[in-house]
Structures are given as structure tokens and as C-alpha cells.
C-alpha atoms as a PDB file:
ATOM      1  CA  MET A   1       0.000   0.000   0.000  1.00  0.00           C
ATOM      2  CA  VAL A   2       1.261   3.476  -0.885  1.00  0.00           C
ATOM      3  CA  VAL A   3       0.055   6.481   1.112  1.00  0.00           C
ATOM      4  CA  GLU A   4       0.983  10.001   0.008  1.00  0.00           C
ATOM      5  CA  LEU A   5       0.496  13.312   1.753  1.00  0.00           C
ATOM      6  CA  ILE A   6      -0.019  16.680   0.091  1.00  0.00           C
ATOM      7  CA  GLY A   7      -0.378  20.179   1.431  1.00  0.00           C
ATOM      8  CA  THR A   8       0.716  23.761   0.977  1.00  0.00           C
ATOM      9  CA  PRO A   9       4.147  24.395   2.524  1.00  0.00           C
ATOM     10  CA  GLY A  10       3.470  25.038   6.208  1.00  0.00           C
ATOM     11  CA  ALA A  11       0.188  23.098   6.257  1.00  0.00           C
ATOM     12  CA  GLY A  12       1.665  20.453   8.577  1.00  0.00           C
ATOM     13  CA  LYS A  13       2.284  17.267   6.593  1.00  0.00           C
ATOM     14  CA  THR A  14       5.346  16.352   8.640  1.00  0.00           C
ATOM     15  CA  SER A  15       3.520  17.031  11.913  1.00  0.00           C
ATOM     16  CA  LEU A  16       0.661  14.681  11.021  1.00  0.00           C
ATOM     17  CA  LEU A  17       2.752  11.930   9.426  1.00  0.00           C
ATOM     18  CA  PRO A  18       3.294  10.093  12.773  1.00  0.00           C
ATOM     19  CA  VAL A  19      -0.495   9.827  13.172  1.00  0.00           C
ATOM     20  CA  VAL A  20      -0.704   8.004   9.856  1.00  0.00           C
ATOM     21  CA  MET A  21       2.151   5.672  10.821  1.00  0.00           C
ATOM     22  CA  ASP A  22       0.651   4.836  14.223  1.00  0.00           C
ATOM     23  CA  SER A  23      -2.854   4.279  12.837  1.00  0.00           C
ATOM     24  CA  LEU A  24      -1.609   1.874  10.185  1.00  0.00           C
ATOM     25  CA  SER A  25       0.464  -0.008  12.739  1.00  0.00           C
ATOM     26  CA  GLU A  26      -2.573  -0.470  14.964  1.00  0.00           C
ATOM     27  CA  GLN A  27      -4.381  -2.050  12.018  1.00  0.00           C
ATOM     28  CA  GLY A  28      -1.714  -4.694  11.501  1.00  0.00           C
ATOM     29  CA  VAL A  29       0.189  -2.967   8.719  1.00  0.00           C
ATOM     30  CA  THR A  30       3.910  -2.191   8.870  1.00  0.00           C
ATOM     31  CA  PRO A  31       4.336   1.426   7.732  1.00  0.00           C
ATOM     32  CA  ARG A  32       7.660   2.943   6.732  1.00  0.00           C
ATOM     33  CA  THR A  33       8.795   6.190   5.219  1.00  0.00           C
ATOM     34  CA  MET A  34      11.009   5.972   2.150  1.00  0.00           C
ATOM     35  CA  VAL A  35      14.140   6.491   4.238  1.00  0.00           C
ATOM     36  CA  GLY A  36      12.944   4.029   6.862  1.00  0.00           C
ATOM     37  CA  ALA A  37      12.227   1.390   4.218  1.00  0.00           C
ATOM     38  CA  SER A  38      15.465   1.852   2.293  1.00  0.00           C
ATOM     39  CA  ARG A  39      17.817  -0.480   4.187  1.00  0.00           C
ATOM     40  CA  VAL A  40      15.074  -2.983   5.055  1.00  0.00           C
ATOM     41  CA  TYR A  41      14.097  -3.434   1.417  1.00  0.00           C
ATOM     42  CA  VAL A  42      17.675  -3.469   0.147  1.00  0.00           C
ATOM     43  CA  ALA A  43      18.375  -6.331   2.557  1.00  0.00           C
ATOM     44  CA  ARG A  44      15.793  -8.346   0.585  1.00  0.00           C
ATOM     45  CA  THR A  45      18.022  -8.366  -2.475  1.00  0.00           C
ATOM     46  CA  THR A  46      20.780 -10.947  -2.895  1.00  0.00           C
ATOM     47  CA  LEU A  47      23.641  -8.494  -2.425  1.00  0.00           C
ATOM     48  CA  GLY A  48      21.831  -6.629   0.336  1.00  0.00           C
ATOM     49  CA  ALA A  49      21.169  -9.840   2.232  1.00  0.00           C
ATOM     50  CA  TYR A  50      24.868 -10.688   2.008  1.00  0.00           C
ATOM     51  CA  ILE A  51      25.822  -7.251   3.406  1.00  0.00           C
ATOM     52  CA  ALA A  52      23.221  -7.480   6.165  1.00  0.00           C
ATOM     53  CA  ARG A  53      24.569 -10.862   7.203  1.00  0.00           C
ATOM     54  CA  PHE A  54      28.328 -10.537   6.830  1.00  0.00           C
ATOM     55  CA  ALA A  55      29.303  -6.831   6.867  1.00  0.00           C
ATOM     56  CA  PRO A  56      30.809  -5.464  10.092  1.00  0.00           C
ATOM     57  CA  PRO A  57      28.105  -3.757  12.193  1.00  0.00           C
ATOM     58  CA  ARG A  58      29.853  -0.384  12.041  1.00  0.00           C
ATOM     59  CA  LEU A  59      29.776  -0.469   8.223  1.00  0.00           C
ATOM     60  CA  ARG A  60      26.477  -2.221   7.623  1.00  0.00           C
ATOM     61  CA  ARG A  61      24.154   0.786   7.607  1.00  0.00           C
ATOM     62  CA  ALA A  62      26.419   2.841   5.351  1.00  0.00           C
ATOM     63  CA  LEU A  63      26.854  -0.029   2.890  1.00  0.00           C
ATOM     64  CA  LEU A  64      23.138  -0.749   2.727  1.00  0.00           C
ATOM     65  CA  TRP A  65      22.417   2.930   2.119  1.00  0.00           C
ATOM     66  CA  GLN A  66      24.982   3.114  -0.682  1.00  0.00           C
ATOM     67  CA  LEU A  67      23.496   0.016  -2.253  1.00  0.00           C
ATOM     68  CA  PHE A  68      20.043   1.577  -2.010  1.00  0.00           C
ATOM     69  CA  CYS A  69      21.327   4.648  -3.853  1.00  0.00           C
ATOM     70  CA  GLN A  70      22.792   2.485  -6.600  1.00  0.00           C
ATOM     71  CA  PHE A  71      19.615   0.446  -6.979  1.00  0.00           C
ATOM     72  CA  SER A  72      17.569   3.655  -7.074  1.00  0.00           C
ATOM     73  CA  ARG A  73      19.594   5.000  -9.987  1.00  0.00           C
ATOM     74  CA  ALA A  74      19.004   1.808 -11.947  1.00  0.00           C
ATOM     75  CA  TYR A  75      15.301   1.732 -11.106  1.00  0.00           C
ATOM     76  CA  GLN A  76      15.035   5.379 -12.124  1.00  0.00           C
ATOM     77  CA  PHE A  77      15.696   4.390 -15.736  1.00  0.00           C
ATOM     78  CA  ARG A  78      13.280   1.492 -15.448  1.00  0.00           C
ATOM     79  CA  PHE A  79      10.541   3.827 -14.246  1.00  0.00           C
ATOM     80  CA  LEU A  80      11.148   6.330 -17.041  1.00  0.00           C
ATOM     81  CA  LEU A  81      11.050   3.593 -19.666  1.00  0.00           C
ATOM     82  CA  ARG A  82       7.694   2.456 -18.301  1.00  0.00           C
ATOM     83  CA  HIS A  83       6.322   6.030 -18.112  1.00  0.00           C
ATOM     84  CA  VAL A  84       7.547   7.655 -21.316  1.00  0.00           C
ATOM     85  CA  ARG A  85       4.695  10.158 -21.478  1.00  0.00           C
ATOM     86  CA  LEU A  86       5.404  11.340 -17.933  1.00  0.00           C
ATOM     87  CA  ALA A  87       9.105  11.700 -18.754  1.00  0.00           C
ATOM     88  CA  ARG A  88       8.225  13.792 -21.812  1.00  0.00           C
ATOM     89  CA  HIS A  89       5.865  15.935 -19.762  1.00  0.00           C
ATOM     90  CA  LEU A  90       8.586  16.564 -17.182  1.00  0.00           C
ATOM     91  CA  MET A  91      11.203  17.595 -19.741  1.00  0.00           C
ATOM     92  CA  GLN A  92       8.889  19.829 -21.744  1.00  0.00           C
ATOM     93  CA  GLY A  93       7.226  21.306 -18.682  1.00  0.00           C
ATOM     94  CA  GLN A  94      10.456  22.293 -16.978  1.00  0.00           C
ATOM     95  CA  ALA A  95      11.919  23.691 -20.198  1.00  0.00           C
ATOM     96  CA  HIS A  96       9.005  26.124 -20.637  1.00  0.00           C
ATOM     97  CA  ARG A  97       8.335  26.867 -16.980  1.00  0.00           C
ATOM     98  CA  ASP A  98       8.392  30.430 -15.654  1.00  0.00           C
ATOM     99  CA  ALA A  99      11.089  29.850 -13.043  1.00  0.00           C
ATOM    100  CA  SER A 100      14.825  30.367 -12.692  1.00  0.00           C
ATOM    101  CA  VAL A 101      17.190  27.749 -14.113  1.00  0.00           C
ATOM    102  CA  LYS A 102      18.394  26.991 -10.577  1.00  0.00           C
ATOM    103  CA  PHE A 103      14.847  26.437  -9.373  1.00  0.00           C
ATOM    104  CA  ARG A 104      13.969  24.170 -12.301  1.00  0.00           C
ATOM    105  CA  ARG A 105      17.128  22.106 -11.902  1.00  0.00           C
ATOM    106  CA  HIS A 106      16.539  21.713  -8.180  1.00  0.00           C
ATOM    107  CA  ALA A 107      12.965  20.501  -8.713  1.00  0.00           C
ATOM    108  CA  LEU A 108      13.910  18.072 -11.486  1.00  0.00           C
ATOM    109  CA  ARG A 109      16.945  16.642  -9.656  1.00  0.00           C
ATOM    110  CA  TRP A 110      14.951  15.799  -6.527  1.00  0.00           C
ATOM    111  CA  TYR A 111      12.046  14.493  -8.570  1.00  0.00           C
ATOM    112  CA  LEU A 112      14.231  12.058 -10.518  1.00  0.00           C
ATOM    113  CA  ARG A 113      15.825  10.881  -7.301  1.00  0.00           C
ATOM    114  CA  MET A 114      12.407  10.335  -5.750  1.00  0.00           C
ATOM    115  CA  LEU A 115      11.008   8.312  -8.623  1.00  0.00           C
ATOM    116  CA  GLY A 116      14.015   5.949  -8.632  1.00  0.00           C
ATOM    117  CA  GLN A 117      13.622   5.358  -4.914  1.00  0.00           C
ATOM    118  CA  TYR A 118       9.878   4.903  -5.311  1.00  0.00           C
ATOM    119  CA  GLU A 119      10.263   2.365  -8.107  1.00  0.00           C
ATOM    120  CA  PHE A 120      12.725   0.269  -6.114  1.00  0.00           C
ATOM    121  CA  LEU A 121      10.712   0.368  -2.898  1.00  0.00           C
ATOM    122  CA  ARG A 122       7.372  -0.235  -4.628  1.00  0.00           C
ATOM    123  CA  THR A 123       8.854  -3.292  -6.347  1.00  0.00           C
ATOM    124  CA  HIS A 124       9.925  -4.791  -2.996  1.00  0.00           C
ATOM    125  CA  LEU A 125       6.814  -3.761  -1.030  1.00  0.00           C
ATOM    126  CA  ARG A 126       5.021  -6.700   0.611  1.00  0.00           C
ATOM    127  CA  PRO A 127       1.228  -7.053   1.049  1.00  0.00           C
ATOM    128  CA  ASN A 128       1.263  -6.278   4.782  1.00  0.00           C
ATOM    129  CA  GLU A 129       3.397  -3.141   4.412  1.00  0.00           C
ATOM    130  CA  ALA A 130       2.779   0.514   3.590  1.00  0.00           C
ATOM    131  CA  LEU A 131       5.014   3.227   2.180  1.00  0.00           C
ATOM    132  CA  VAL A 132       4.053   6.571   3.698  1.00  0.00           C
ATOM    133  CA  ILE A 133       5.447   9.382   1.546  1.00  0.00           C
ATOM    134  CA  ASP A 134       5.228  13.094   2.306  1.00  0.00           C
ATOM    135  CA  GLN A 135       7.140  14.141  -0.821  1.00  0.00           C
ATOM    136  CA  GLY A 136       5.754  11.735  -3.405  1.00  0.00           C
ATOM    137  CA  PHE A 137       4.347  12.102  -6.910  1.00  0.00           C
ATOM    138  CA  VAL A 138       1.243  13.966  -5.777  1.00  0.00           C
ATOM    139  CA  HIS A 139       3.006  16.560  -3.638  1.00  0.00           C
ATOM    140  CA  ARG A 140       5.863  16.994  -6.128  1.00  0.00           C
ATOM    141  CA  ALA A 141       3.337  18.709  -8.384  1.00  0.00           C
ATOM    142  CA  VAL A 142       4.070  21.755  -6.227  1.00  0.00           C
ATOM    143  CA  ASP A 143       7.828  21.748  -6.910  1.00  0.00           C
ATOM    144  CA  LEU A 144       7.250  21.093 -10.607  1.00  0.00           C
ATOM    145  CA  HIS A 145       4.578  23.718 -11.249  1.00  0.00           C
ATOM    146  CA  ALA A 146       4.836  26.465  -8.608  1.00  0.00           C
ATOM    147  CA  SER A 147       7.541  29.117  -8.507  1.00  0.00           C
ATOM    148  CA  ASP A 148       8.193  32.587  -7.122  1.00  0.00           C
ATOM    149  CA  ARG A 149       7.414  34.141 -10.504  1.00  0.00           C
ATOM    150  CA  GLY A 150       4.363  33.815 -12.732  1.00  0.00           C
ATOM    151  CA  GLU A 151       1.139  32.031 -11.938  1.00  0.00           C
ATOM    152  CA  PRO A 152       1.172  28.227 -12.314  1.00  0.00           C
ATOM    153  CA  ASP A 153      -0.223  26.520 -15.407  1.00  0.00           C
ATOM    154  CA  LEU A 154      -3.210  24.667 -13.964  1.00  0.00           C
ATOM    155  CA  ALA A 155      -3.828  22.718 -17.177  1.00  0.00           C
ATOM    156  CA  ALA A 156      -0.271  21.372 -16.910  1.00  0.00           C
ATOM    157  CA  VAL A 157      -0.930  20.393 -13.273  1.00  0.00           C
ATOM    158  CA  SER A 158      -3.975  18.361 -14.319  1.00  0.00           C
ATOM    159  CA  ALA A 159      -2.062  16.766 -17.206  1.00  0.00           C
ATOM    160  CA  TYR A 160       0.684  15.773 -14.772  1.00  0.00           C
ATOM    161  CA  LEU A 161      -1.809  14.122 -12.393  1.00  0.00           C
ATOM    162  CA  ASP A 162      -3.147  12.068 -15.289  1.00  0.00           C
ATOM    163  CA  LEU A 163       0.307  10.536 -15.832  1.00  0.00           C
ATOM    164  CA  VAL A 164       1.624   9.681 -12.358  1.00  0.00           C
ATOM    165  CA  PRO A 165       1.112   6.363 -10.512  1.00  0.00           C
ATOM    166  CA  GLN A 166      -2.030   6.454  -8.395  1.00  0.00           C
ATOM    167  CA  PRO A 167      -1.414   6.011  -4.650  1.00  0.00           C
ATOM    168  CA  ASP A 168      -3.750   3.814  -2.623  1.00  0.00           C
ATOM    169  CA  LEU A 169      -4.528   6.796  -0.403  1.00  0.00           C
ATOM    170  CA  ILE A 170      -3.873  10.533  -0.463  1.00  0.00           C
ATOM    171  CA  ILE A 171      -4.090  12.629   2.687  1.00  0.00           C
ATOM    172  CA  HIS A 172      -4.574  16.325   2.018  1.00  0.00           C
ATOM    173  CA  VAL A 173      -3.420  18.399   4.976  1.00  0.00           C
ATOM    174  CA  ASN A 174      -5.287  21.662   4.580  1.00  0.00           C
ATOM    175  CA  ALA A 175      -4.666  25.035   6.237  1.00  0.00           C
ATOM    176  CA  PRO A 176      -5.458  28.638   5.268  1.00  0.00           C
ATOM    177  CA  LEU A 177      -2.843  30.353   3.130  1.00  0.00           C
ATOM    178  CA  GLY A 178      -2.071  32.930   5.808  1.00  0.00           C
ATOM    179  CA  VAL A 179      -1.469  30.231   8.421  1.00  0.00           C
ATOM    180  CA  CYS A 180       0.845  28.312   6.079  1.00  0.00           C
ATOM    181  CA  GLU A 181       2.819  31.431   5.237  1.00  0.00           C
ATOM    182  CA  ALA A 182       3.244  32.391   8.894  1.00  0.00           C
ATOM    183  CA  ARG A 183       4.503  28.898   9.757  1.00  0.00           C
ATOM    184  CA  VAL A 184       7.072  28.906   6.952  1.00  0.00           C
ATOM    185  CA  PHE A 185       8.402  32.330   7.941  1.00  0.00           C
ATOM    186  CA  ASP A 186       8.542  31.292  11.616  1.00  0.00           C
ATOM    187  CA  ARG A 187      10.604  28.165  10.946  1.00  0.00           C
ATOM    188  CA  GLY A 188      12.720  29.713   8.182  1.00  0.00           C
ATOM    189  CA  PRO A 189      12.906  29.030   4.433  1.00  0.00           C
ATOM    190  CA  TRP A 190      14.369  25.959   2.774  1.00  0.00           C
ATOM    191  CA  ALA A 191      18.082  25.929   1.944  1.00  0.00           C
ATOM    192  CA  HIS A 192      17.520  26.669  -1.751  1.00  0.00           C
ATOM    193  CA  PHE A 193      15.344  29.678  -0.810  1.00  0.00           C
ATOM    194  CA  ARG A 194      17.584  31.337   1.757  1.00  0.00           C
ATOM    195  CA  ARG A 195      18.991  33.880  -0.687  1.00  0.00           C
ATOM    196  CA  GLU A 196      15.564  34.860  -1.975  1.00  0.00           C
ATOM    197  CA  SER A 197      13.589  37.835  -0.687  1.00  0.00           C
ATOM    198  CA  PRO A 198      10.608  37.461   1.667  1.00  0.00           C
ATOM    199  CA  ALA A 199       8.379  38.648  -1.186  1.00  0.00           C
ATOM    200  CA  ALA A 200       9.659  35.859  -3.437  1.00  0.00           C
ATOM    201  CA  LEU A 201       9.058  33.270  -0.715  1.00  0.00           C
ATOM    202  CA  SER A 202       5.544  34.616  -0.193  1.00  0.00           C
ATOM    203  CA  ARG A 203       4.804  34.363  -3.933  1.00  0.00           C
ATOM    204  CA  PHE A 204       6.036  30.762  -3.975  1.00  0.00           C
ATOM    205  CA  ILE A 205       3.804  29.789  -1.028  1.00  0.00           C
ATOM    206  CA  THR A 206       0.815  31.485  -2.674  1.00  0.00           C
ATOM    207  CA  ASN A 207       1.434  29.706  -5.984  1.00  0.00           C
ATOM    208  CA  SER A 208       1.971  26.423  -4.146  1.00  0.00           C
ATOM    209  CA  HIS A 209      -1.425  26.869  -2.487  1.00  0.00           C
ATOM    210  CA  VAL A 210      -3.000  27.308  -5.921  1.00  0.00           C
ATOM    211  CA  VAL A 211      -1.279  24.176  -7.252  1.00  0.00           C
ATOM    212  CA  VAL A 212      -2.380  22.105  -4.248  1.00  0.00           C
ATOM    213  CA  GLY A 213      -5.950  23.245  -4.797  1.00  0.00           C
ATOM    214  CA  GLN A 214      -5.796  22.159  -8.439  1.00  0.00           C
ATOM    215  CA  VAL A 215      -4.257  18.801  -7.522  1.00  0.00           C
ATOM    216  CA  VAL A 216      -6.986  18.100  -4.983  1.00  0.00           C
ATOM    217  CA  GLU A 217      -9.703  19.117  -7.435  1.00  0.00           C
ATOM    218  CA  ARG A 218      -8.242  16.827 -10.095  1.00  0.00           C
ATOM    219  CA  MET A 219      -7.934  13.893  -7.693  1.00  0.00           C
ATOM    220  CA  ARG A 220     -11.582  14.310  -6.706  1.00  0.00           C
ATOM    221  CA  ALA A 221     -12.590  14.314 -10.384  1.00  0.00           C
ATOM    222  CA  LYS A 222     -10.596  11.131 -10.959  1.00  0.00           C
ATOM    223  CA  GLY A 223     -12.173   9.429  -7.954  1.00  0.00           C
ATOM    224  CA  TRP A 224      -8.910   8.815  -6.126  1.00  0.00           C
ATOM    225  CA  ASN A 225      -9.081   7.746  -2.492  1.00  0.00           C
ATOM    226  CA  LEU A 226      -8.716  11.052  -0.657  1.00  0.00           C
ATOM    227  CA  ILE A 227      -8.886  12.186   2.950  1.00  0.00           C
ATOM    228  CA  GLU A 228      -8.815  15.863   3.845  1.00  0.00           C
ATOM    229  CA  VAL A 229      -7.939  17.084   7.325  1.00  0.00           C
ATOM    230  CA  ASP A 230      -8.036  20.670   8.536  1.00  0.00           C
ATOM    231  CA  ASN A 231      -4.804  21.676  10.279  1.00  0.00           C
ATOM    232  CA  GLY A 232      -5.447  25.388  10.533  1.00  0.00           C
ATOM    233  CA  SER A 233      -5.685  27.595  13.576  1.00  0.00           C
ATOM    234  CA  GLU A 234      -7.560  25.153  15.838  1.00  0.00           C
ATOM    235  CA  GLY A 235      -4.359  23.442  16.916  1.00  0.00           C
ATOM    236  CA  LEU A 236      -2.394  20.295  16.131  1.00  0.00           C
ATOM    237  CA  ALA A 237      -4.060  18.241  18.875  1.00  0.00           C
ATOM    238  CA  LEU A 238      -7.495  18.620  17.308  1.00  0.00           C
ATOM    239  CA  SER A 239      -6.146  17.920  13.799  1.00  0.00           C
ATOM    240  CA  THR A 240      -4.399  14.810  15.095  1.00  0.00           C
ATOM    241  CA  ALA A 241      -7.585  13.572  16.742  1.00  0.00           C
ATOM    242  CA  ARG A 242      -9.604  14.161  13.580  1.00  0.00           C
ATOM    243  CA  LEU A 243      -7.175  12.331  11.328  1.00  0.00           C
ATOM    244  CA  ARG A 244      -6.792   9.448  13.717  1.00  0.00           C
ATOM    245  CA  SER A 245     -10.558   9.129  13.989  1.00  0.00           C
ATOM    246  CA  ILE A 246     -11.071   8.624  10.292  1.00  0.00           C
ATOM    247  CA  LEU A 247      -8.075   6.353   9.854  1.00  0.00           C
ATOM    248  CA  MET A 248      -9.286   4.094  12.652  1.00  0.00           C
ATOM    249  CA  ASN A 249     -13.035   4.259  11.891  1.00  0.00           C
ATOM    250  CA  PRO A 250     -13.523   3.976   8.120  1.00  0.00           C
ATOM    251  CA  ASP A 251     -16.822   3.899   6.283  1.00  0.00           C
ATOM    252  CA  SER A 252     -18.007   0.925   4.272  1.00  0.00           C
ATOM    253  CA  ALA A 253     -16.603   2.385   1.021  1.00  0.00           C
ATOM    254  CA  SER A 254     -12.974   1.631   1.640  1.00  0.00           C
ATOM    255  CA  VAL A 255      -9.699   0.246   0.415  1.00  0.00           C
ATOM    256  CA  PRO A 256      -8.800  -3.231   1.767  1.00  0.00           C
ATOM    257  CA  LEU A 257      -5.540  -3.307   3.660  1.00  0.00           C
ATOM    258  CA  SER A 258      -3.464  -6.406   2.895  1.00  0.00           C
ATOM    259  CA  GLY A 259      -6.360  -8.784   3.310  1.00  0.00           C
ATOM    260  CA  GLY A 260      -6.984  -7.448   6.799  1.00  0.00           C
ATOM    261  CA  PRO A 261      -9.378  -4.781   8.020  1.00  0.00           C
ATOM    262  CA  SER A 262     -10.652  -2.192   5.574  1.00  0.00           C
ATOM    263  CA  VAL A 263      -9.397   1.321   5.954  1.00  0.00           C
ATOM    264  CA  LEU A 264      -9.308   4.817   4.542  1.00  0.00           C
ATOM    265  CA  PRO A 265     -12.435   5.884   2.657  1.00  0.00           C
ATOM    266  CA  THR A 266     -12.784   8.869   0.363  1.00  0.00           C
ATOM    267  CA  ARG A 267     -14.077  11.431   2.775  1.00  0.00           C
ATOM    268  CA  CYS A 268     -13.483  14.874   4.192  1.00  0.00           C
ATOM    269  CA  LEU A 269     -13.058  15.757   7.842  1.00  0.00           C
END
């Protein structure tokens, strides 16, 4: 099972991710983030199993991580060969995007790295396990289509959603634009934004909010399994309780979890 989170920067995806992990665990599923799954899944390969068994303990983690990176590069090409239209959309979209060359390169580099890791982990995912991803295909629409310059191309956002692998569940963490912006400014900008002006950062957050709205609208139209949780000004404790409630008490229209209990309906909180 693949679970992805999406939200405007500052909405609180990272804060609510542990709720998702705990709720899945309580339903008999083993959830892992991409980093958490990396060494476990690599150890399922022939070479990884050899390293896990015979490498000195002080070197084991580093060797398994390096092997994961190598596998991810190979699986990156495999993914692109299987999704030629998506690869073409990425190249053409970034070439014509209203953003700086540095910004476009940053977005594309991290996206290609993500899809290689995803392809490897998805291939080795077992029925009773879940990948919980807060920077997956759905949320990467923000990096690929929002910038600190012109308004995003919403038609391109929808076209992108039509080409990416569909997760089993998407959790939309929603918060008002002003709340998101205040949170980002309070914690400080990302490393690649530290030389940009506050106005540029504000424009990026605003455009990201627009892209997230378009992504959510498109996912609804496609009938994808979507949960929305409000993480605005009412406080994290209430948002946590709301999300946990729906994850632990699904409706009858649901996605089966590894042959066990059903979970995660399309529904809004």
C-alpha cells in the first residue's frame, strides 16, 4: 500500500505523518517512510542480504544505504522507460516553466531521485506493508509547477496528475494560506530559498497553495481515495484527533488493507 500526503508548505504534513504511521500499525500494517524502508528493502536483495549478514556492524548501515542509492539510480531508468509520457511531460514542462534555471534544476533533480527510490521500494513492497510518503508524486506537483514568478499553469498540473502512478490513499493536509505562510516564515525558508527575498518566498507559497488546490480538485474528479484534514488555527491536537478518527473508523466504502481490516475511505473531515 502506498500512502501520500499533500499540502501547501506550512500546512503540517510532517507534523501529522506520525499519526498516519501509528494508525496503520494499529491495524496490523507495517508502515515505513522511504528512508525508513530503504535499508530494510535493500536487505531483501541478494547483495543486500549478504551485506546485512556478513558486513561489520559499524559499516552495515552505510553499505546498505549506498546500495540503495545504486539500486535507485538503476530503477530510475526502469521507471522512465515504463512512463515515457510522464518523462516527456517533465522535460517539456520544466523547459518552458516560468522559473529560474536553478529552481527548475533543483525541482527536477529531486524528482528524478524520488522516482528511482519509489520504483525500487514499490517493487519490494510486501502485502502487509505501507510506504508513507510526504514528498511523493502527488506533492511533487508543487515543486514542478509552482515558482516565485508567474502564476502556475493549472492545465499542466492536471495533465501531470493524469500521468503519475495512483497512490492507494492521499491525505490532504489543509490550512489557510495565511497560516501556512506564517509557519514557513517562523521556521525559516528551505536551503535553496535562503537567498531569496521574503516577497519571493511569499509568492512561492501562494502559488503552491493554488497548485495544491488544483491537484486536490483533479484527484476528486478522478475518484482517487482522498482524505482531507483541517490543520489550521484550531491546533495540532485537534487535527491529530480528527485524522486518527477517520483512519481508525472507516466507512463501508474503503480500500482493503493487505487482506486485513478495511481502511481509509474517500471522505473529508
